[in-house]
């Protein structure tokens, strides 16, 4: 499996040089999360007041208390979940809008001005919407396959002679679904990269060329994507482990740990996008040749001595 030397390092360098967009995304997420939690907090205020449940949820996160409240039919905690869902949709489209500016910054290899960044965001946004619709259509059979795998695995768990048959079928089937989903994501990631580098406007044509590109280079692209993803999952697992081991009374510290995990998750994603841009530019854009030194023209002011006359 061929790999370009220093690809991850150069991608990380590009993402680091333009890290302000990572902090921008993080604080947008933090603000939207605050607004999304508002209706649930208001709902809990009206139910718990100064009870023991309130102390267990404000001074610590007690799973038992939260589970009891969420399952209480009189509380109806999740009837205000629409606000959280709406905030998630808003955040998704905000990130989709910012993607054009992010990729343009990684393509140019320099820090864009605020005007240049948002001009790129607006220029590519409707192209991303068209690609998103195409990706949603492509993902329908993948989601259908995942549903069939889940249904068949439950059937095998109930009816198969060997007790592990259904479990193994579920693991293998979901592994195949995961590979297909990763392929689709890489495919449309590369479609976005091509649109920025090649200034493509026809997204159907662009998606077709990106499909050929992804299928013919799936090995190196998958290996690049997988290594960064595994690192992200390791950070995620470590963060959850620390969160689970911290005393419940350290509520502020647990929030800090989880926010660091969220920030690292965003960092992993922008690192992947920077590596995709670096990979495409290395593979398909010819490096600029070094200028050939040219000898300076002769100086016309230099006096050329006449040839000496032969001695008589």
Protein backbone atom coordinates (compact mmCIF):
# COMPACT_ATOMS: atom_id res chain seq x y z
CA UNK A 1 0.00 0.00 0.00
CA UNK A 2 1.86 3.07 -1.26
CA UNK A 3 1.88 6.13 0.93
CA UNK A 4 3.18 9.61 0.33
CA UNK A 5 5.99 10.44 2.75
CA UNK A 6 5.19 13.02 5.39
CA UNK A 7 1.53 13.29 4.33
CA UNK A 8 0.06 13.27 7.83
CA UNK A 9 2.74 15.64 9.07
CA UNK A 10 2.13 18.17 6.31
CA UNK A 11 -1.64 17.89 6.74
CA UNK A 12 -1.26 18.50 10.47
CA UNK A 13 0.98 21.50 9.74
CA UNK A 14 -1.66 23.05 7.47
CA UNK A 15 -4.41 22.46 10.03
CA UNK A 16 -2.23 23.92 12.80
CA UNK A 17 -1.34 27.06 10.81
CA UNK A 18 -5.05 27.74 10.33
CA UNK A 19 -6.20 26.56 13.74
CA UNK A 20 -8.40 29.60 14.33
CA UNK A 21 -11.15 27.95 12.29
CA UNK A 22 -11.03 24.97 14.69
CA UNK A 23 -11.60 27.28 17.66
CA UNK A 24 -14.33 29.05 15.73
CA UNK A 25 -16.19 25.78 15.16
CA UNK A 26 -15.67 24.75 18.79
CA UNK A 27 -17.13 27.95 20.24
CA UNK A 28 -20.07 27.85 17.83
CA UNK A 29 -20.75 24.31 19.04
CA UNK A 30 -20.44 25.46 22.67
CA UNK A 31 -22.90 28.30 22.15
CA UNK A 32 -25.43 26.13 20.33
CA UNK A 33 -25.10 23.45 23.01
CA UNK A 34 -25.93 26.05 25.65
CA UNK A 35 -29.08 27.07 23.78
CA UNK A 36 -30.02 23.42 23.17
CA UNK A 37 -29.70 22.58 26.87
CA UNK A 38 -31.80 25.58 27.93
CA UNK A 39 -35.27 24.01 27.46
CA UNK A 40 -34.23 20.81 29.26
CA UNK A 41 -32.76 22.81 32.16
CA UNK A 42 -35.96 24.85 32.38
CA UNK A 43 -37.98 21.64 32.36
CA UNK A 44 -35.87 20.15 35.17
CA UNK A 45 -36.14 23.36 37.21
CA UNK A 46 -39.89 23.06 37.24
CA UNK A 47 -39.80 19.40 38.30
CA UNK A 48 -36.87 19.05 40.70
CA UNK A 49 -36.85 22.50 42.36
CA UNK A 50 -34.80 22.04 45.58
CA UNK A 51 -35.26 18.28 45.84
CA UNK A 52 -32.58 15.62 46.21
CA UNK A 53 -32.76 15.06 42.45
CA UNK A 54 -31.76 18.67 41.88
CA UNK A 55 -28.69 18.34 44.11
CA UNK A 56 -27.62 15.13 42.38
CA UNK A 57 -27.92 16.70 38.95
CA UNK A 58 -26.49 20.15 39.72
CA UNK A 59 -23.57 19.19 41.97
CA UNK A 60 -22.79 15.93 40.16
CA UNK A 61 -24.13 13.82 37.31
CA UNK A 62 -26.00 10.95 38.90
CA UNK A 63 -27.01 8.44 36.19
CA UNK A 64 -29.72 6.87 38.35
CA UNK A 65 -31.43 10.18 39.06
CA UNK A 66 -31.32 11.23 35.42
CA UNK A 67 -32.66 7.85 34.29
CA UNK A 68 -35.53 8.03 36.79
CA UNK A 69 -36.51 11.50 35.62
CA UNK A 70 -36.26 10.69 31.92
CA UNK A 71 -38.44 7.59 32.32
CA UNK A 72 -41.09 9.36 34.44
CA UNK A 73 -44.21 9.82 32.23
CA UNK A 74 -45.26 12.88 34.26
CA UNK A 75 -41.99 14.71 33.62
CA UNK A 76 -41.90 14.14 29.83
CA UNK A 77 -38.29 15.24 29.71
CA UNK A 78 -37.75 14.46 26.04
CA UNK A 79 -40.74 16.39 24.75
CA UNK A 80 -38.39 19.41 24.51
CA UNK A 81 -35.76 17.43 22.60
CA UNK A 82 -36.78 19.24 19.42
CA UNK A 83 -34.72 22.26 20.48
CA UNK A 84 -31.62 20.12 20.83
CA UNK A 85 -32.27 18.51 17.45
CA UNK A 86 -32.75 21.92 15.83
CA UNK A 87 -29.46 23.17 17.28
CA UNK A 88 -27.72 20.11 15.86
CA UNK A 89 -29.14 20.80 12.40
CA UNK A 90 -28.04 24.44 12.60
CA UNK A 91 -24.52 23.40 13.61
CA UNK A 92 -24.35 20.91 10.74
CA UNK A 93 -25.18 23.55 8.15
CA UNK A 94 -22.84 26.08 9.76
CA UNK A 95 -19.97 23.61 9.39
CA UNK A 96 -21.09 22.81 5.84
CA UNK A 97 -20.97 26.53 5.05
CA UNK A 98 -17.49 26.92 6.57
CA UNK A 99 -16.10 23.93 4.66
CA UNK A 100 -15.46 25.94 1.50
CA UNK A 101 -13.31 28.46 3.35
CA UNK A 102 -11.45 25.72 5.23
CA UNK A 103 -10.55 23.83 2.06
CA UNK A 104 -9.57 27.03 0.28
CA UNK A 105 -7.23 27.89 3.16
CA UNK A 106 -5.66 24.43 2.99
CA UNK A 107 -5.34 24.70 -0.80
CA UNK A 108 -3.64 28.07 -0.74
CA UNK A 109 -1.31 27.12 2.10
CA UNK A 110 -1.61 30.55 3.73
CA UNK A 111 -3.82 32.36 6.18
CA UNK A 112 -6.75 33.88 4.35
CA UNK A 113 -8.13 37.22 5.34
CA UNK A 114 -11.59 37.19 6.91
CA UNK A 115 -13.06 38.52 3.67
CA UNK A 116 -11.34 35.88 1.53
CA UNK A 117 -12.43 33.12 3.91
CA UNK A 118 -16.11 34.01 3.91
CA UNK A 119 -16.11 34.70 0.17
CA UNK A 120 -14.91 31.12 -0.34
CA UNK A 121 -17.57 29.87 2.10
CA UNK A 122 -20.34 31.54 0.14
CA UNK A 123 -18.89 30.59 -3.25
CA UNK A 124 -18.94 26.84 -2.53
CA UNK A 125 -21.94 26.50 -0.22
CA UNK A 126 -24.56 25.61 -2.85
CA UNK A 127 -22.17 23.15 -4.45
CA UNK A 128 -21.89 21.43 -1.07
CA UNK A 129 -25.69 21.34 -0.76
CA UNK A 130 -25.93 19.55 -4.12
CA UNK A 131 -23.23 17.09 -3.09
CA UNK A 132 -25.05 16.54 0.21
CA UNK A 133 -28.26 15.61 -1.61
CA UNK A 134 -26.33 13.16 -3.81
CA UNK A 135 -24.63 11.63 -0.76
CA UNK A 136 -27.97 11.21 1.03
CA UNK A 137 -29.33 9.32 -1.99
CA UNK A 138 -26.23 7.11 -2.14
CA UNK A 139 -26.47 6.34 1.60
CA UNK A 140 -30.04 5.02 1.34
CA UNK A 141 -28.94 1.50 0.26
CA UNK A 142 -26.16 1.54 2.90
CA UNK A 143 -28.67 2.34 5.66
CA UNK A 144 -31.05 -0.28 4.26
CA UNK A 145 -28.27 -2.87 4.34
CA UNK A 146 -27.49 -1.96 7.97
CA UNK A 147 -31.15 -2.46 8.88
CA UNK A 148 -31.24 -5.86 7.13
CA UNK A 149 -28.05 -6.97 8.89
CA UNK A 150 -29.49 -6.00 12.26
CA UNK A 151 -32.80 -7.76 11.58
CA UNK A 152 -31.14 -10.94 10.29
CA UNK A 153 -28.69 -11.08 13.19
CA UNK A 154 -31.58 -10.96 15.71
CA UNK A 155 -33.31 -13.74 13.76
CA UNK A 156 -30.15 -15.87 13.93
CA UNK A 157 -29.76 -15.20 17.64
CA UNK A 158 -33.23 -16.65 18.22
CA UNK A 159 -33.19 -19.53 15.72
CA UNK A 160 -29.59 -20.53 14.89
CA UNK A 161 -28.25 -23.74 16.35
CA UNK A 162 -24.98 -22.13 17.36
CA UNK A 163 -25.44 -19.30 19.85
CA UNK A 164 -22.65 -17.14 18.39
CA UNK A 165 -23.86 -17.27 14.78
CA UNK A 166 -26.06 -14.21 15.06
CA UNK A 167 -23.36 -12.25 16.88
CA UNK A 168 -20.70 -13.08 14.26
CA UNK A 169 -23.10 -12.24 11.44
CA UNK A 170 -23.81 -8.87 13.08
CA UNK A 171 -20.10 -8.05 13.52
CA UNK A 172 -19.14 -9.03 9.95
CA UNK A 173 -22.20 -7.39 8.42
CA UNK A 174 -21.68 -4.12 10.30
CA UNK A 175 -18.01 -4.20 9.36
CA UNK A 176 -19.00 -4.31 5.69
CA UNK A 177 -21.53 -1.51 6.25
CA UNK A 178 -18.84 0.55 8.00
CA UNK A 179 -16.45 0.12 5.06
CA UNK A 180 -19.15 1.16 2.61
CA UNK A 181 -20.02 4.21 4.71
CA UNK A 182 -16.34 5.17 4.94
CA UNK A 183 -15.99 4.79 1.15
CA UNK A 184 -18.98 7.09 0.58
CA UNK A 185 -17.56 9.67 2.97
CA UNK A 186 -14.14 9.58 1.30
CA UNK A 187 -15.81 9.78 -2.10
CA UNK A 188 -17.66 13.00 -1.30
CA UNK A 189 -14.73 14.43 0.66
CA UNK A 190 -12.64 14.09 -2.49
CA UNK A 191 -15.48 15.58 -4.54
CA UNK A 192 -15.27 18.68 -2.35
CA UNK A 193 -11.48 18.77 -2.68
CA UNK A 194 -11.73 18.50 -6.49
CA UNK A 195 -14.34 21.25 -6.61
CA UNK A 196 -11.99 23.64 -4.79
CA UNK A 197 -8.76 22.74 -6.59
CA UNK A 198 -10.20 22.34 -10.09
CA UNK A 199 -12.92 25.00 -9.73
CA UNK A 200 -15.60 22.48 -10.72
CA UNK A 201 -19.14 23.82 -10.93
CA UNK A 202 -20.97 20.77 -12.31
CA UNK A 203 -21.41 18.57 -9.26
CA UNK A 204 -22.74 15.50 -11.11
CA UNK A 205 -19.66 15.43 -13.29
CA UNK A 206 -17.46 16.21 -10.32
CA UNK A 207 -18.99 13.38 -8.25
CA UNK A 208 -18.41 10.91 -11.08
CA UNK A 209 -14.75 11.87 -11.40
CA UNK A 210 -14.32 11.77 -7.63
CA UNK A 211 -15.80 8.25 -7.63
CA UNK A 212 -13.19 7.06 -10.14
CA UNK A 213 -10.49 8.80 -8.15
CA UNK A 214 -11.57 7.19 -4.87
CA UNK A 215 -11.96 3.68 -6.26
CA UNK A 216 -8.55 3.76 -7.98
CA UNK A 217 -6.81 5.16 -4.89
CA UNK A 218 -8.90 3.65 -2.11
CA UNK A 219 -5.92 1.92 -0.46
CA UNK A 220 -3.80 5.01 0.33
CA UNK A 221 -6.84 7.16 1.02
CA UNK A 222 -8.32 4.59 3.40
CA UNK A 223 -4.97 4.13 5.17
CA UNK A 224 -4.60 7.89 5.62
CA UNK A 225 -8.18 8.26 6.86
CA UNK A 226 -7.99 5.22 9.14
CA UNK A 227 -4.85 6.27 11.01
CA UNK A 228 -6.26 9.67 11.90
CA UNK A 229 -9.62 8.11 12.85
CA UNK A 230 -7.99 5.53 15.13
CA UNK A 231 -6.09 8.31 16.91
CA UNK A 232 -9.34 10.18 17.36
CA UNK A 233 -11.08 7.11 18.77
CA UNK A 234 -8.20 6.55 21.20
CA UNK A 235 -8.53 10.10 22.49
CA UNK A 236 -12.30 9.63 22.73
CA UNK A 237 -11.90 6.38 24.70
CA UNK A 238 -9.32 7.92 27.03
CA UNK A 239 -11.60 10.89 27.67
CA UNK A 240 -14.57 8.67 28.50
CA UNK A 241 -12.38 6.55 30.78
CA UNK A 242 -11.19 9.61 32.70
CA UNK A 243 -14.76 10.91 32.88
CA UNK A 244 -16.02 7.61 34.27
CA UNK A 245 -13.26 7.43 36.91
CA UNK A 246 -13.61 10.99 38.19
CA UNK A 247 -15.59 11.53 41.43
CA UNK A 248 -19.18 12.61 40.73
CA UNK A 249 -18.73 15.76 42.81
CA UNK A 250 -16.07 17.04 40.38
CA UNK A 251 -18.77 18.09 37.96
CA UNK A 252 -16.83 21.05 36.54
CA UNK A 253 -13.79 18.91 35.79
CA UNK A 254 -15.88 16.28 34.05
CA UNK A 255 -17.38 18.98 31.80
CA UNK A 256 -13.85 20.21 31.01
CA UNK A 257 -12.70 16.68 30.09
CA UNK A 258 -15.68 16.14 27.79
CA UNK A 259 -15.17 19.51 26.09
CA UNK A 260 -11.52 18.62 25.44
CA UNK A 261 -12.73 15.37 23.85
CA UNK A 262 -15.13 17.35 21.64
CA UNK A 263 -12.34 19.76 20.63
CA UNK A 264 -10.05 16.85 19.73
CA UNK A 265 -12.87 15.33 17.65
CA UNK A 266 -13.15 18.52 15.62
CA UNK A 267 -9.37 18.64 15.34
CA UNK A 268 -9.26 15.12 13.94
CA UNK A 269 -11.80 16.04 11.27
CA UNK A 270 -10.00 19.19 10.08
CA UNK A 271 -6.74 17.21 10.08
CA UNK A 272 -8.36 14.68 7.74
CA UNK A 273 -9.52 17.46 5.41
CA UNK A 274 -6.05 19.02 5.35
CA UNK A 275 -4.49 15.63 4.53
CA UNK A 276 -6.99 15.03 1.73
CA UNK A 277 -6.11 18.38 0.18
CA UNK A 278 -2.38 17.69 0.57
CA UNK A 279 -2.73 14.23 -0.98
CA UNK A 280 -4.64 15.56 -4.01
CA UNK A 281 -2.22 18.40 -4.66
CA UNK A 282 0.80 16.09 -4.40
CA UNK A 283 -0.69 13.51 -6.74
CA UNK A 284 -2.32 15.62 -9.45
CA UNK A 285 -0.70 19.04 -9.41
CA UNK A 286 2.73 19.20 -11.01
CA UNK A 287 5.28 20.95 -8.83
CA UNK A 288 6.48 24.29 -10.08
CA UNK A 289 9.85 23.84 -11.77
CA UNK A 290 12.76 25.85 -10.47
CA UNK A 291 13.72 28.68 -12.83
CA UNK A 292 16.69 27.93 -15.05
CA UNK A 293 19.46 30.50 -14.54
CA UNK A 294 20.01 32.60 -17.66
CA UNK A 295 23.37 34.11 -18.46
CA UNK A 296 23.28 37.92 -18.46
CA UNK A 297 23.51 39.59 -21.89
CA UNK A 298 26.81 41.23 -22.79
CA UNK A 299 27.21 44.80 -21.71
CA UNK A 300 27.19 47.03 -24.83
CA UNK A 301 29.33 49.63 -23.04
CA UNK A 302 32.25 47.32 -22.72
CA UNK A 303 34.95 48.49 -25.15
CA UNK A 304 36.33 45.71 -27.25
CA UNK A 305 39.96 46.32 -28.10
CA UNK A 306 40.79 46.03 -31.85
CA UNK A 307 43.04 43.21 -32.81
CA UNK A 308 46.70 44.06 -32.70
CA UNK A 309 48.39 44.76 -36.05
CA UNK A 310 51.04 42.26 -37.00
CA UNK A 311 54.60 43.47 -36.54
CA UNK A 312 56.36 44.46 -39.76
